[in-house]
């Protein structure tokens, strides 16, 4: 099977090995001025936003997710993914069979967890203003 194969349903079929060897670059991250409907208001303490990344492959893999600023037990601010991952990828096994949508998202979440997305977001984050 080719590294990236587009099906009639719009998904890019990609073998897990190809995703793991892909190099992802940051496209954009920003603060969302409107609280997303799925946001966990009990967890998120200051800001919400989103981040979008893309692979440098001939047929790029796209991944995006929402994030929020949370406070740990010591009151230190941190970024966490919030809500479902968005992507154009359906992972396939060695025979070309789909992993399934939920399984693909779960695997892709582990891939994005190693991206330096938190650093990219903090770099673009406005400073909190005192109340």
C-alpha atoms as a PDB file:
ATOM      1  CA  UNK A   1       0.000   0.000   0.000  1.00  0.00           C
ATOM      2  CA  UNK A   2       1.225   3.493  -0.756  1.00  0.00           C
ATOM      3  CA  UNK A   3       2.322   5.667   2.161  1.00  0.00           C
ATOM      4  CA  UNK A   4      -0.644   8.006   1.756  1.00  0.00           C
ATOM      5  CA  UNK A   5      -3.741   6.879  -0.055  1.00  0.00           C
ATOM      6  CA  UNK A   6      -6.904   9.013  -0.224  1.00  0.00           C
ATOM      7  CA  UNK A   7     -10.197   7.178  -0.178  1.00  0.00           C
ATOM      8  CA  UNK A   8     -13.629   8.296  -1.324  1.00  0.00           C
ATOM      9  CA  UNK A   9     -14.531   9.243   2.255  1.00  0.00           C
ATOM     10  CA  UNK A  10     -11.888  11.969   2.441  1.00  0.00           C
ATOM     11  CA  UNK A  11      -9.550  10.184   4.842  1.00  0.00           C
ATOM     12  CA  UNK A  12      -5.888   9.847   4.116  1.00  0.00           C
ATOM     13  CA  UNK A  13      -5.068   6.150   4.697  1.00  0.00           C
ATOM     14  CA  UNK A  14      -1.650   5.937   6.310  1.00  0.00           C
ATOM     15  CA  UNK A  15       0.309   3.095   7.861  1.00  0.00           C
ATOM     16  CA  UNK A  16       1.315   3.683  11.464  1.00  0.00           C
ATOM     17  CA  UNK A  17       4.993   3.315  10.549  1.00  0.00           C
ATOM     18  CA  UNK A  18       4.620   6.200   8.086  1.00  0.00           C
ATOM     19  CA  UNK A  19       3.031   8.444  10.703  1.00  0.00           C
ATOM     20  CA  UNK A  20       5.788   7.629  13.182  1.00  0.00           C
ATOM     21  CA  UNK A  21       8.463   8.534  10.624  1.00  0.00           C
ATOM     22  CA  UNK A  22       6.729  11.763   9.526  1.00  0.00           C
ATOM     23  CA  UNK A  23       8.117  15.136  10.524  1.00  0.00           C
ATOM     24  CA  UNK A  24       5.413  17.489  11.794  1.00  0.00           C
ATOM     25  CA  UNK A  25       5.610  21.271  11.731  1.00  0.00           C
ATOM     26  CA  UNK A  26       3.556  23.819  13.596  1.00  0.00           C
ATOM     27  CA  UNK A  27       1.042  25.660  11.409  1.00  0.00           C
ATOM     28  CA  UNK A  28      -0.741  27.785  13.965  1.00  0.00           C
ATOM     29  CA  UNK A  29      -1.932  28.082  17.533  1.00  0.00           C
ATOM     30  CA  UNK A  30      -4.152  30.722  18.997  1.00  0.00           C
ATOM     31  CA  UNK A  31      -6.308  31.617  21.938  1.00  0.00           C
ATOM     32  CA  UNK A  32     -10.007  31.049  21.323  1.00  0.00           C
ATOM     33  CA  UNK A  33     -11.984  34.089  22.430  1.00  0.00           C
ATOM     34  CA  UNK A  34     -15.139  32.000  22.736  1.00  0.00           C
ATOM     35  CA  UNK A  35     -15.320  29.110  25.187  1.00  0.00           C
ATOM     36  CA  UNK A  36     -15.786  25.902  23.176  1.00  0.00           C
ATOM     37  CA  UNK A  37     -19.049  24.072  23.879  1.00  0.00           C
ATOM     38  CA  UNK A  38     -17.152  20.956  24.947  1.00  0.00           C
ATOM     39  CA  UNK A  39     -14.780  22.769  27.346  1.00  0.00           C
ATOM     40  CA  UNK A  40     -14.398  21.364  30.821  1.00  0.00           C
ATOM     41  CA  UNK A  41     -15.056  24.554  32.808  1.00  0.00           C
ATOM     42  CA  UNK A  42     -14.131  22.922  36.096  1.00  0.00           C
ATOM     43  CA  UNK A  43     -10.631  22.154  34.794  1.00  0.00           C
ATOM     44  CA  UNK A  44      -9.728  25.102  32.608  1.00  0.00           C
ATOM     45  CA  UNK A  45      -8.706  28.116  34.633  1.00  0.00           C
ATOM     46  CA  UNK A  46      -7.607  30.831  32.265  1.00  0.00           C
ATOM     47  CA  UNK A  47      -7.552  30.359  28.503  1.00  0.00           C
ATOM     48  CA  UNK A  48      -8.739  28.047  25.757  1.00  0.00           C
ATOM     49  CA  UNK A  49      -7.323  27.683  22.296  1.00  0.00           C
ATOM     50  CA  UNK A  50      -6.332  25.415  19.467  1.00  0.00           C
ATOM     51  CA  UNK A  51      -3.215  24.166  17.739  1.00  0.00           C
ATOM     52  CA  UNK A  52      -2.781  22.864  14.196  1.00  0.00           C
ATOM     53  CA  UNK A  53       0.163  20.836  12.884  1.00  0.00           C
ATOM     54  CA  UNK A  54       0.977  19.235   9.536  1.00  0.00           C
ATOM     55  CA  UNK A  55       3.460  16.653   8.304  1.00  0.00           C
ATOM     56  CA  UNK A  56       5.985  17.460   5.590  1.00  0.00           C
ATOM     57  CA  UNK A  57       4.892  14.452   3.520  1.00  0.00           C
ATOM     58  CA  UNK A  58       3.892  14.743  -0.147  1.00  0.00           C
ATOM     59  CA  UNK A  59       0.272  14.310   0.969  1.00  0.00           C
ATOM     60  CA  UNK A  60       0.335  16.056   4.351  1.00  0.00           C
ATOM     61  CA  UNK A  61      -1.097  14.590   7.496  1.00  0.00           C
ATOM     62  CA  UNK A  62      -3.109  17.178   9.394  1.00  0.00           C
ATOM     63  CA  UNK A  63      -3.695  17.111  13.156  1.00  0.00           C
ATOM     64  CA  UNK A  64      -5.386  19.687  15.325  1.00  0.00           C
ATOM     65  CA  UNK A  65      -6.772  19.885  18.822  1.00  0.00           C
ATOM     66  CA  UNK A  66      -8.144  22.246  21.411  1.00  0.00           C
ATOM     67  CA  UNK A  67      -6.224  22.970  24.592  1.00  0.00           C
ATOM     68  CA  UNK A  68      -6.824  24.768  27.855  1.00  0.00           C
ATOM     69  CA  UNK A  69      -4.749  26.194  30.666  1.00  0.00           C
ATOM     70  CA  UNK A  70      -5.136  24.205  33.882  1.00  0.00           C
ATOM     71  CA  UNK A  71      -3.692  24.594  37.354  1.00  0.00           C
ATOM     72  CA  UNK A  72      -1.970  21.715  39.088  1.00  0.00           C
ATOM     73  CA  UNK A  73      -2.221  21.028  42.822  1.00  0.00           C
ATOM     74  CA  UNK A  74       0.475  23.628  43.490  1.00  0.00           C
ATOM     75  CA  UNK A  75      -1.276  26.271  41.401  1.00  0.00           C
ATOM     76  CA  UNK A  76       1.273  26.071  38.562  1.00  0.00           C
ATOM     77  CA  UNK A  77      -0.266  26.682  35.136  1.00  0.00           C
ATOM     78  CA  UNK A  78       0.022  23.993  32.479  1.00  0.00           C
ATOM     79  CA  UNK A  79      -1.451  23.225  29.064  1.00  0.00           C
ATOM     80  CA  UNK A  80      -3.565  20.145  28.399  1.00  0.00           C
ATOM     81  CA  UNK A  81      -5.378  18.881  25.356  1.00  0.00           C
ATOM     82  CA  UNK A  82      -9.124  19.418  25.707  1.00  0.00           C
ATOM     83  CA  UNK A  83     -11.673  17.638  23.576  1.00  0.00           C
ATOM     84  CA  UNK A  84     -11.219  15.369  20.607  1.00  0.00           C
ATOM     85  CA  UNK A  85      -8.316  15.381  18.198  1.00  0.00           C
ATOM     86  CA  UNK A  86      -9.065  16.420  14.606  1.00  0.00           C
ATOM     87  CA  UNK A  87      -7.255  14.798  11.690  1.00  0.00           C
ATOM     88  CA  UNK A  88      -7.541  13.739   8.086  1.00  0.00           C
ATOM     89  CA  UNK A  89      -5.904  10.367   8.828  1.00  0.00           C
ATOM     90  CA  UNK A  90      -7.283   6.871   9.083  1.00  0.00           C
ATOM     91  CA  UNK A  91      -4.526   4.527  10.211  1.00  0.00           C
ATOM     92  CA  UNK A  92      -4.271   1.222   8.393  1.00  0.00           C
ATOM     93  CA  UNK A  93      -2.563  -2.048   9.270  1.00  0.00           C
ATOM     94  CA  UNK A  94       0.001  -3.861   7.105  1.00  0.00           C
ATOM     95  CA  UNK A  95      -2.794  -5.329   4.974  1.00  0.00           C
ATOM     96  CA  UNK A  96      -4.374  -1.921   4.348  1.00  0.00           C
ATOM     97  CA  UNK A  97      -7.329  -2.465   6.688  1.00  0.00           C
ATOM     98  CA  UNK A  98      -8.599   0.504   8.674  1.00  0.00           C
ATOM     99  CA  UNK A  99      -7.789   0.679  12.384  1.00  0.00           C
ATOM    100  CA  UNK A 100     -11.127   2.401  12.880  1.00  0.00           C
ATOM    101  CA  UNK A 101     -11.776   6.047  13.654  1.00  0.00           C
ATOM    102  CA  UNK A 102     -11.558   5.920  17.466  1.00  0.00           C
ATOM    103  CA  UNK A 103      -8.490   3.673  17.437  1.00  0.00           C
ATOM    104  CA  UNK A 104      -6.781   5.981  14.921  1.00  0.00           C
ATOM    105  CA  UNK A 105      -7.450   9.001  17.117  1.00  0.00           C
ATOM    106  CA  UNK A 106      -6.116   7.242  20.211  1.00  0.00           C
ATOM    107  CA  UNK A 107      -2.860   6.375  18.434  1.00  0.00           C
ATOM    108  CA  UNK A 108      -2.531   9.854  16.920  1.00  0.00           C
ATOM    109  CA  UNK A 109      -2.937  11.372  20.391  1.00  0.00           C
ATOM    110  CA  UNK A 110       0.196   9.539  21.511  1.00  0.00           C
ATOM    111  CA  UNK A 111       2.016  10.916  18.461  1.00  0.00           C
ATOM    112  CA  UNK A 112       1.050  14.529  19.170  1.00  0.00           C
ATOM    113  CA  UNK A 113       1.951  14.187  22.831  1.00  0.00           C
ATOM    114  CA  UNK A 114       5.615  14.116  21.801  1.00  0.00           C
ATOM    115  CA  UNK A 115       5.341  17.229  19.619  1.00  0.00           C
ATOM    116  CA  UNK A 116       6.598  20.466  21.223  1.00  0.00           C
ATOM    117  CA  UNK A 117       3.131  21.969  20.959  1.00  0.00           C
ATOM    118  CA  UNK A 118       3.039  23.312  24.502  1.00  0.00           C
ATOM    119  CA  UNK A 119       6.127  25.416  23.865  1.00  0.00           C
ATOM    120  CA  UNK A 120       4.579  26.764  20.650  1.00  0.00           C
ATOM    121  CA  UNK A 121       1.362  27.690  22.461  1.00  0.00           C
ATOM    122  CA  UNK A 122       3.084  29.322  25.444  1.00  0.00           C
ATOM    123  CA  UNK A 123       5.180  31.362  23.018  1.00  0.00           C
ATOM    124  CA  UNK A 124       2.000  32.797  21.470  1.00  0.00           C
ATOM    125  CA  UNK A 125       0.009  33.141  24.685  1.00  0.00           C
ATOM    126  CA  UNK A 126      -0.903  36.629  25.854  1.00  0.00           C
ATOM    127  CA  UNK A 127       0.081  37.469  29.419  1.00  0.00           C
ATOM    128  CA  UNK A 128      -2.733  37.103  31.922  1.00  0.00           C
ATOM    129  CA  UNK A 129      -3.980  40.428  33.204  1.00  0.00           C
ATOM    130  CA  UNK A 130      -4.744  40.905  36.891  1.00  0.00           C
ATOM    131  CA  UNK A 131      -8.420  40.825  37.836  1.00  0.00           C
END
